[in-house]
Amino acid sequence: MFFILPCIDTYIKVDLRTVTFDVPPQEILTKDSVTVAVDAVVYFRIFNAVISITNVEDAAKSTKLLAATTLRNVFYFESFYLYLF
């Protein structure tokens, strides 16, 4: 049983199910100067609700931004690495 004091505590509902979303297409320039659009689908699930609430303000939004950044960095690095060799 939980007691929530109205003036002190806040109640936040966290979905612990697996959530999916599409990462927006990221345009990447290859070594032969061709622009390629790469997109992805992310599946994520929150295992610990307390940590997800206390560490970040919006877990879903931060996961979307991290996925887009990681996708862009991985393909940029691969394209750049192939360009060097």
N, C-alpha and C. Protein backbone atom coordinates (compact mmCIF):
# COMPACT_ATOMS: atom_id res chain seq x y z
N MET A 1 0.83 -1.16 0.00
CA MET A 1 0.00 0.00 0.00
C MET A 1 0.89 1.24 0.00
N PHE A 2 0.55 2.21 -0.84
CA PHE A 2 1.31 3.43 -0.97
C PHE A 2 0.49 4.60 -0.44
N PHE A 3 1.15 5.47 0.25
CA PHE A 3 0.51 6.70 0.71
C PHE A 3 1.13 7.87 -0.06
N ILE A 4 0.30 8.66 -0.68
CA ILE A 4 0.77 9.82 -1.43
C ILE A 4 0.23 11.07 -0.77
N LEU A 5 1.15 11.89 -0.31
CA LEU A 5 0.76 13.16 0.29
C LEU A 5 0.54 14.19 -0.82
N PRO A 6 -0.62 14.79 -0.91
CA PRO A 6 -0.96 15.65 -2.05
C PRO A 6 -0.03 16.84 -2.26
N CYS A 7 0.49 17.44 -1.24
CA CYS A 7 1.32 18.63 -1.40
C CYS A 7 2.80 18.31 -1.59
N ILE A 8 3.21 17.09 -1.25
CA ILE A 8 4.62 16.75 -1.26
C ILE A 8 4.97 15.77 -2.37
N ASP A 9 4.22 14.70 -2.49
CA ASP A 9 4.51 13.63 -3.44
C ASP A 9 3.80 13.86 -4.78
N THR A 10 4.40 13.31 -5.81
CA THR A 10 3.75 13.30 -7.12
C THR A 10 3.67 11.86 -7.60
N TYR A 11 2.64 11.58 -8.34
CA TYR A 11 2.40 10.23 -8.85
C TYR A 11 2.62 10.26 -10.35
N ILE A 12 3.55 9.45 -10.82
CA ILE A 12 3.85 9.37 -12.25
C ILE A 12 3.65 7.93 -12.70
N LYS A 13 2.87 7.77 -13.73
CA LYS A 13 2.57 6.45 -14.27
C LYS A 13 3.59 6.11 -15.35
N VAL A 14 4.24 4.95 -15.26
CA VAL A 14 5.26 4.54 -16.22
C VAL A 14 4.81 3.26 -16.89
N ASP A 15 4.87 3.25 -18.22
CA ASP A 15 4.51 2.07 -18.99
C ASP A 15 5.70 1.13 -19.06
N LEU A 16 5.56 -0.08 -18.55
CA LEU A 16 6.66 -1.04 -18.52
C LEU A 16 6.61 -2.03 -19.69
N ARG A 17 5.73 -1.80 -20.63
CA ARG A 17 5.64 -2.67 -21.80
C ARG A 17 6.71 -2.28 -22.83
N THR A 18 6.93 -3.16 -23.79
CA THR A 18 7.86 -2.87 -24.87
C THR A 18 7.23 -1.84 -25.81
N VAL A 19 7.99 -0.80 -26.11
CA VAL A 19 7.50 0.30 -26.95
C VAL A 19 8.34 0.33 -28.23
N THR A 20 7.69 0.59 -29.36
CA THR A 20 8.40 0.71 -30.63
C THR A 20 8.17 2.10 -31.20
N PHE A 21 9.15 2.58 -31.96
CA PHE A 21 9.00 3.82 -32.70
C PHE A 21 9.98 3.84 -33.85
N ASP A 22 9.67 4.64 -34.85
CA ASP A 22 10.53 4.80 -36.01
C ASP A 22 11.50 5.94 -35.78
N VAL A 23 12.74 5.72 -36.17
CA VAL A 23 13.74 6.78 -36.12
C VAL A 23 13.62 7.55 -37.43
N PRO A 24 13.58 8.87 -37.40
CA PRO A 24 13.48 9.63 -38.64
C PRO A 24 14.65 9.33 -39.57
N PRO A 25 14.41 9.37 -40.87
CA PRO A 25 15.51 9.07 -41.82
C PRO A 25 16.68 10.05 -41.65
N GLN A 26 17.86 9.50 -41.68
CA GLN A 26 19.09 10.29 -41.58
C GLN A 26 19.79 10.22 -42.93
N GLU A 27 20.13 11.35 -43.50
CA GLU A 27 20.82 11.38 -44.77
C GLU A 27 22.32 11.34 -44.55
N ILE A 28 22.99 10.42 -45.26
CA ILE A 28 24.42 10.21 -45.09
C ILE A 28 25.08 10.27 -46.45
N LEU A 29 26.20 10.95 -46.55
CA LEU A 29 26.95 11.07 -47.79
C LEU A 29 27.99 9.96 -47.85
N THR A 30 27.96 9.15 -48.92
CA THR A 30 28.91 8.06 -49.06
C THR A 30 30.19 8.56 -49.70
N LYS A 31 31.17 7.66 -49.85
CA LYS A 31 32.47 8.08 -50.39
C LYS A 31 32.40 8.45 -51.87
N ASP A 32 31.41 7.93 -52.59
CA ASP A 32 31.25 8.29 -53.99
C ASP A 32 30.23 9.42 -54.18
N SER A 33 30.03 10.22 -53.15
CA SER A 33 29.16 11.41 -53.16
C SER A 33 27.71 11.12 -53.49
N VAL A 34 27.22 10.03 -52.97
CA VAL A 34 25.81 9.67 -53.12
C VAL A 34 25.15 9.84 -51.75
N THR A 35 24.01 10.51 -51.73
CA THR A 35 23.29 10.69 -50.49
C THR A 35 22.35 9.52 -50.28
N VAL A 36 22.47 8.89 -49.11
CA VAL A 36 21.66 7.73 -48.77
C VAL A 36 20.83 8.07 -47.54
N ALA A 37 19.55 7.75 -47.59
CA ALA A 37 18.68 7.95 -46.43
C ALA A 37 18.55 6.63 -45.68
N VAL A 38 18.87 6.65 -44.41
CA VAL A 38 18.83 5.44 -43.58
C VAL A 38 17.85 5.69 -42.45
N ASP A 39 16.96 4.73 -42.23
CA ASP A 39 16.04 4.84 -41.10
C ASP A 39 16.07 3.53 -40.32
N ALA A 40 15.43 3.54 -39.16
CA ALA A 40 15.47 2.36 -38.29
C ALA A 40 14.20 2.30 -37.44
N VAL A 41 14.02 1.15 -36.82
CA VAL A 41 12.94 0.95 -35.86
C VAL A 41 13.59 0.55 -34.54
N VAL A 42 13.14 1.17 -33.45
CA VAL A 42 13.71 0.91 -32.13
C VAL A 42 12.65 0.27 -31.24
N TYR A 43 13.05 -0.77 -30.55
CA TYR A 43 12.23 -1.41 -29.53
C TYR A 43 12.91 -1.16 -28.20
N PHE A 44 12.18 -0.62 -27.23
CA PHE A 44 12.78 -0.45 -25.92
C PHE A 44 11.76 -0.72 -24.83
N ARG A 45 12.29 -1.07 -23.67
CA ARG A 45 11.45 -1.39 -22.52
C ARG A 45 12.12 -0.85 -21.26
N ILE A 46 11.32 -0.27 -20.38
CA ILE A 46 11.84 0.25 -19.12
C ILE A 46 11.79 -0.87 -18.09
N PHE A 47 12.94 -1.19 -17.52
CA PHE A 47 13.01 -2.25 -16.52
C PHE A 47 12.82 -1.72 -15.11
N ASN A 48 13.32 -0.53 -14.84
CA ASN A 48 13.24 0.03 -13.50
C ASN A 48 12.60 1.42 -13.61
N ALA A 49 11.37 1.54 -13.16
CA ALA A 49 10.63 2.79 -13.30
C ALA A 49 11.23 3.92 -12.46
N VAL A 50 11.74 3.60 -11.30
CA VAL A 50 12.30 4.64 -10.42
C VAL A 50 13.53 5.27 -11.06
N ILE A 51 14.39 4.46 -11.64
CA ILE A 51 15.60 5.00 -12.28
C ILE A 51 15.24 5.80 -13.52
N SER A 52 14.24 5.35 -14.29
CA SER A 52 13.88 6.09 -15.50
C SER A 52 13.27 7.44 -15.17
N ILE A 53 12.58 7.57 -14.06
CA ILE A 53 11.99 8.85 -13.68
C ILE A 53 13.04 9.78 -13.06
N THR A 54 13.93 9.25 -12.26
CA THR A 54 14.90 10.11 -11.56
C THR A 54 16.08 10.53 -12.43
N ASN A 55 16.45 9.74 -13.44
CA ASN A 55 17.63 10.06 -14.25
C ASN A 55 17.35 10.99 -15.42
N VAL A 56 16.20 10.85 -16.06
CA VAL A 56 15.88 11.69 -17.22
C VAL A 56 14.47 12.27 -17.06
N GLU A 57 14.24 13.38 -17.74
CA GLU A 57 12.93 14.02 -17.64
C GLU A 57 11.88 13.27 -18.46
N ASP A 58 12.24 12.88 -19.69
CA ASP A 58 11.32 12.17 -20.57
C ASP A 58 12.08 11.01 -21.20
N ALA A 59 11.86 9.80 -20.70
CA ALA A 59 12.63 8.63 -21.14
C ALA A 59 12.38 8.31 -22.61
N ALA A 60 11.16 8.43 -23.09
CA ALA A 60 10.86 8.11 -24.48
C ALA A 60 11.54 9.09 -25.44
N LYS A 61 11.48 10.37 -25.12
CA LYS A 61 12.10 11.37 -25.99
C LYS A 61 13.62 11.23 -26.00
N SER A 62 14.21 10.98 -24.84
CA SER A 62 15.66 10.83 -24.79
C SER A 62 16.11 9.58 -25.53
N THR A 63 15.30 8.52 -25.50
CA THR A 63 15.64 7.31 -26.25
C THR A 63 15.56 7.57 -27.74
N LYS A 64 14.56 8.33 -28.20
CA LYS A 64 14.46 8.67 -29.62
C LYS A 64 15.66 9.48 -30.09
N LEU A 65 16.06 10.47 -29.31
CA LEU A 65 17.21 11.30 -29.68
C LEU A 65 18.50 10.50 -29.68
N LEU A 66 18.67 9.61 -28.70
CA LEU A 66 19.86 8.78 -28.64
C LEU A 66 19.92 7.82 -29.82
N ALA A 67 18.78 7.24 -30.21
CA ALA A 67 18.75 6.33 -31.35
C ALA A 67 19.10 7.05 -32.64
N ALA A 68 18.57 8.24 -32.85
CA ALA A 68 18.87 9.01 -34.06
C ALA A 68 20.35 9.39 -34.11
N THR A 69 20.90 9.81 -32.99
CA THR A 69 22.31 10.18 -32.94
C THR A 69 23.21 8.98 -33.18
N THR A 70 22.88 7.85 -32.58
CA THR A 70 23.68 6.64 -32.75
C THR A 70 23.64 6.16 -34.19
N LEU A 71 22.45 6.19 -34.80
CA LEU A 71 22.33 5.78 -36.19
C LEU A 71 23.18 6.65 -37.09
N ARG A 72 23.12 7.95 -36.89
CA ARG A 72 23.90 8.88 -37.71
C ARG A 72 25.40 8.67 -37.49
N ASN A 73 25.82 8.49 -36.25
CA ASN A 73 27.24 8.32 -35.97
C ASN A 73 27.79 7.01 -36.51
N VAL A 74 27.04 5.94 -36.39
CA VAL A 74 27.51 4.64 -36.87
C VAL A 74 27.69 4.66 -38.38
N PHE A 75 26.72 5.16 -39.11
CA PHE A 75 26.84 5.16 -40.56
C PHE A 75 27.82 6.22 -41.06
N TYR A 76 27.94 7.32 -40.37
CA TYR A 76 28.94 8.31 -40.74
C TYR A 76 30.34 7.74 -40.54
N PHE A 77 30.56 7.06 -39.44
CA PHE A 77 31.88 6.47 -39.17
C PHE A 77 32.21 5.41 -40.20
N GLU A 78 31.21 4.55 -40.54
CA GLU A 78 31.46 3.51 -41.52
C GLU A 78 31.77 4.11 -42.89
N SER A 79 31.03 5.13 -43.28
CA SER A 79 31.26 5.79 -44.56
C SER A 79 32.64 6.46 -44.57
N PHE A 80 32.99 7.13 -43.48
CA PHE A 80 34.28 7.80 -43.38
C PHE A 80 35.41 6.79 -43.35
N TYR A 81 35.22 5.67 -42.64
CA TYR A 81 36.24 4.64 -42.53
C TYR A 81 36.50 4.00 -43.89
N LEU A 82 35.42 3.73 -44.65
CA LEU A 82 35.59 3.15 -45.97
C LEU A 82 36.24 4.13 -46.93
N TYR A 83 36.04 5.42 -46.70
CA TYR A 83 36.64 6.44 -47.56
C TYR A 83 38.15 6.48 -47.39
N LEU A 84 38.62 6.22 -46.17
CA LEU A 84 40.07 6.26 -45.92
C LEU A 84 40.81 5.08 -46.51
N PHE A 85 40.14 3.93 -46.60
CA PHE A 85 40.86 2.73 -47.06
C PHE A 85 40.36 2.23 -48.37
